[in-house]
Amino acid sequence: MPAKKAAYIRVYGRVQGVFFRAFTRDWASRLGLRGYVRNMSDGSVEIVAEGSEESIKELIEKVKIGPPAASVERVEVKWQEPSNMYSGFRIEY
């Protein structure tokens, strides 16, 4: 089934080396989202999530908190058209 919505999300703060990618993948998978999460060279984490708007919004709320060792300073979200090119949600390296 094609995704209805998509979001490009950047998370800033202490979000690398604290299991943030695994946390994001686990929540995205539970929410039935497709896309990926990866560390960026500037220390942020990039997320592309496709699926229902409700599920994407729930993921955004989860990543605003992050896993216990994380310290999220800010989250930027840009809504976009879904590409429907992802079969699941994965960690990219």
C-alpha atoms as a PDB file:
ATOM      1  CA  MET A   1       0.000   0.000   0.000  1.00  0.00           C
ATOM      2  CA  PRO A   2       1.469   3.389  -0.943  1.00  0.00           C
ATOM      3  CA  ALA A   3       2.433   5.771   1.865  1.00  0.00           C
ATOM      4  CA  LYS A   4       0.078   8.697   2.372  1.00  0.00           C
ATOM      5  CA  LYS A   5       2.596  11.081   3.933  1.00  0.00           C
ATOM      6  CA  ALA A   6       6.333  11.505   4.330  1.00  0.00           C
ATOM      7  CA  ALA A   7       8.565  13.567   6.585  1.00  0.00           C
ATOM      8  CA  TYR A   8      12.229  14.500   6.513  1.00  0.00           C
ATOM      9  CA  ILE A   9      13.330  14.832  10.151  1.00  0.00           C
ATOM     10  CA  ARG A  10      16.613  16.093  11.622  1.00  0.00           C
ATOM     11  CA  VAL A  11      17.309  15.589  15.315  1.00  0.00           C
ATOM     12  CA  TYR A  12      19.994  17.663  17.056  1.00  0.00           C
ATOM     13  CA  GLY A  13      21.661  17.292  20.447  1.00  0.00           C
ATOM     14  CA  ARG A  14      23.467  14.336  21.999  1.00  0.00           C
ATOM     15  CA  VAL A  15      21.930  11.844  19.594  1.00  0.00           C
ATOM     16  CA  GLN A  16      24.901   9.811  18.356  1.00  0.00           C
ATOM     17  CA  GLY A  17      26.459   6.970  20.323  1.00  0.00           C
ATOM     18  CA  VAL A  18      23.355   6.658  22.529  1.00  0.00           C
ATOM     19  CA  PHE A  19      21.377   3.999  20.567  1.00  0.00           C
ATOM     20  CA  PHE A  20      19.270   6.704  18.903  1.00  0.00           C
ATOM     21  CA  ARG A  21      19.184   4.942  15.525  1.00  0.00           C
ATOM     22  CA  ALA A  22      18.072   1.621  17.040  1.00  0.00           C
ATOM     23  CA  PHE A  23      15.480   3.462  19.153  1.00  0.00           C
ATOM     24  CA  THR A  24      14.131   5.199  16.037  1.00  0.00           C
ATOM     25  CA  ARG A  25      14.098   2.018  13.943  1.00  0.00           C
ATOM     26  CA  ASP A  26      12.268   0.098  16.649  1.00  0.00           C
ATOM     27  CA  TRP A  27       9.569   2.771  17.054  1.00  0.00           C
ATOM     28  CA  ALA A  28       9.178   3.319  13.313  1.00  0.00           C
ATOM     29  CA  SER A  29       8.774  -0.425  12.777  1.00  0.00           C
ATOM     30  CA  ARG A  30       6.171  -0.659  15.565  1.00  0.00           C
ATOM     31  CA  LEU A  31       4.279   2.211  13.952  1.00  0.00           C
ATOM     32  CA  GLY A  32       4.328   0.567  10.522  1.00  0.00           C
ATOM     33  CA  LEU A  33       6.511   3.247   8.943  1.00  0.00           C
ATOM     34  CA  ARG A  34       8.976   2.822   6.102  1.00  0.00           C
ATOM     35  CA  GLY A  35      12.209   4.730   5.503  1.00  0.00           C
ATOM     36  CA  TYR A  36      15.552   5.050   7.242  1.00  0.00           C
ATOM     37  CA  VAL A  37      17.576   6.669  10.013  1.00  0.00           C
ATOM     38  CA  ARG A  38      21.263   7.581   9.847  1.00  0.00           C
ATOM     39  CA  ASN A  39      23.947   9.599  11.611  1.00  0.00           C
ATOM     40  CA  MET A  40      25.092  12.783   9.894  1.00  0.00           C
ATOM     41  CA  SER A  41      28.611  14.241   9.918  1.00  0.00           C
ATOM     42  CA  ASP A  42      27.449  17.318  11.882  1.00  0.00           C
ATOM     43  CA  GLY A  43      26.407  15.133  14.852  1.00  0.00           C
ATOM     44  CA  SER A  44      22.694  15.164  14.050  1.00  0.00           C
ATOM     45  CA  VAL A  45      20.487  12.238  13.055  1.00  0.00           C
ATOM     46  CA  GLU A  46      18.533  12.202   9.791  1.00  0.00           C
ATOM     47  CA  ILE A  47      15.230  10.348   9.510  1.00  0.00           C
ATOM     48  CA  VAL A  48      13.021   9.807   6.475  1.00  0.00           C
ATOM     49  CA  ALA A  49       9.672   8.327   7.465  1.00  0.00           C
ATOM     50  CA  GLU A  50       6.796   7.370   5.179  1.00  0.00           C
ATOM     51  CA  GLY A  51       3.360   6.110   6.171  1.00  0.00           C
ATOM     52  CA  SER A  52       0.267   7.528   7.818  1.00  0.00           C
ATOM     53  CA  GLU A  53       0.387  11.097   9.104  1.00  0.00           C
ATOM     54  CA  GLU A  54      -0.722   9.903  12.539  1.00  0.00           C
ATOM     55  CA  SER A  55       2.127   7.373  12.779  1.00  0.00           C
ATOM     56  CA  ILE A  56       4.716   9.890  11.581  1.00  0.00           C
ATOM     57  CA  LYS A  57       3.521  12.419  14.167  1.00  0.00           C
ATOM     58  CA  GLU A  58       3.798   9.762  16.876  1.00  0.00           C
ATOM     59  CA  LEU A  59       7.372   8.963  15.771  1.00  0.00           C
ATOM     60  CA  ILE A  60       8.219  12.675  15.910  1.00  0.00           C
ATOM     61  CA  GLU A  61       6.982  12.821  19.509  1.00  0.00           C
ATOM     62  CA  LYS A  62       9.114   9.768  20.386  1.00  0.00           C
ATOM     63  CA  VAL A  63      12.309  11.190  18.854  1.00  0.00           C
ATOM     64  CA  LYS A  64      11.786  14.500  20.676  1.00  0.00           C
ATOM     65  CA  ILE A  65      12.484  12.468  23.832  1.00  0.00           C
ATOM     66  CA  GLY A  66      14.811   9.788  22.459  1.00  0.00           C
ATOM     67  CA  PRO A  67      16.380   6.898  24.357  1.00  0.00           C
ATOM     68  CA  PRO A  68      17.499   7.398  27.982  1.00  0.00           C
ATOM     69  CA  ALA A  69      21.116   8.444  27.201  1.00  0.00           C
ATOM     70  CA  ALA A  70      20.107  10.983  24.534  1.00  0.00           C
ATOM     71  CA  SER A  71      19.679  14.700  25.054  1.00  0.00           C
ATOM     72  CA  VAL A  72      17.548  16.142  22.240  1.00  0.00           C
ATOM     73  CA  GLU A  73      17.977  19.883  21.720  1.00  0.00           C
ATOM     74  CA  ARG A  74      15.725  20.355  18.704  1.00  0.00           C
ATOM     75  CA  VAL A  75      13.834  18.489  15.999  1.00  0.00           C
ATOM     76  CA  GLU A  76      13.226  19.904  12.530  1.00  0.00           C
ATOM     77  CA  VAL A  77      10.472  18.426  10.359  1.00  0.00           C
ATOM     78  CA  LYS A  78       9.802  19.009   6.674  1.00  0.00           C
ATOM     79  CA  TRP A  79       6.730  17.334   5.233  1.00  0.00           C
ATOM     80  CA  GLN A  80       7.190  16.036   1.707  1.00  0.00           C
ATOM     81  CA  GLU A  81       5.660  13.762  -0.886  1.00  0.00           C
ATOM     82  CA  PRO A  82       6.290  10.060  -0.196  1.00  0.00           C
ATOM     83  CA  SER A  83       8.634   8.263  -2.590  1.00  0.00           C
ATOM     84  CA  ASN A  84       7.170   4.819  -1.811  1.00  0.00           C
ATOM     85  CA  MET A  85      10.614   3.339  -2.468  1.00  0.00           C
ATOM     86  CA  TYR A  86      11.165   1.781   0.978  1.00  0.00           C
ATOM     87  CA  SER A  87      10.045  -1.722   1.882  1.00  0.00           C
ATOM     88  CA  GLY A  88      10.678  -1.353   5.606  1.00  0.00           C
ATOM     89  CA  PHE A  89      12.484   0.868   8.077  1.00  0.00           C
ATOM     90  CA  ARG A  90      16.244   0.481   8.326  1.00  0.00           C
ATOM     91  CA  ILE A  91      19.392   1.950   9.817  1.00  0.00           C
ATOM     92  CA  GLU A  92      21.695   3.322   7.125  1.00  0.00           C
ATOM     93  CA  TYR A  93      25.438   3.589   7.651  1.00  0.00           C
END
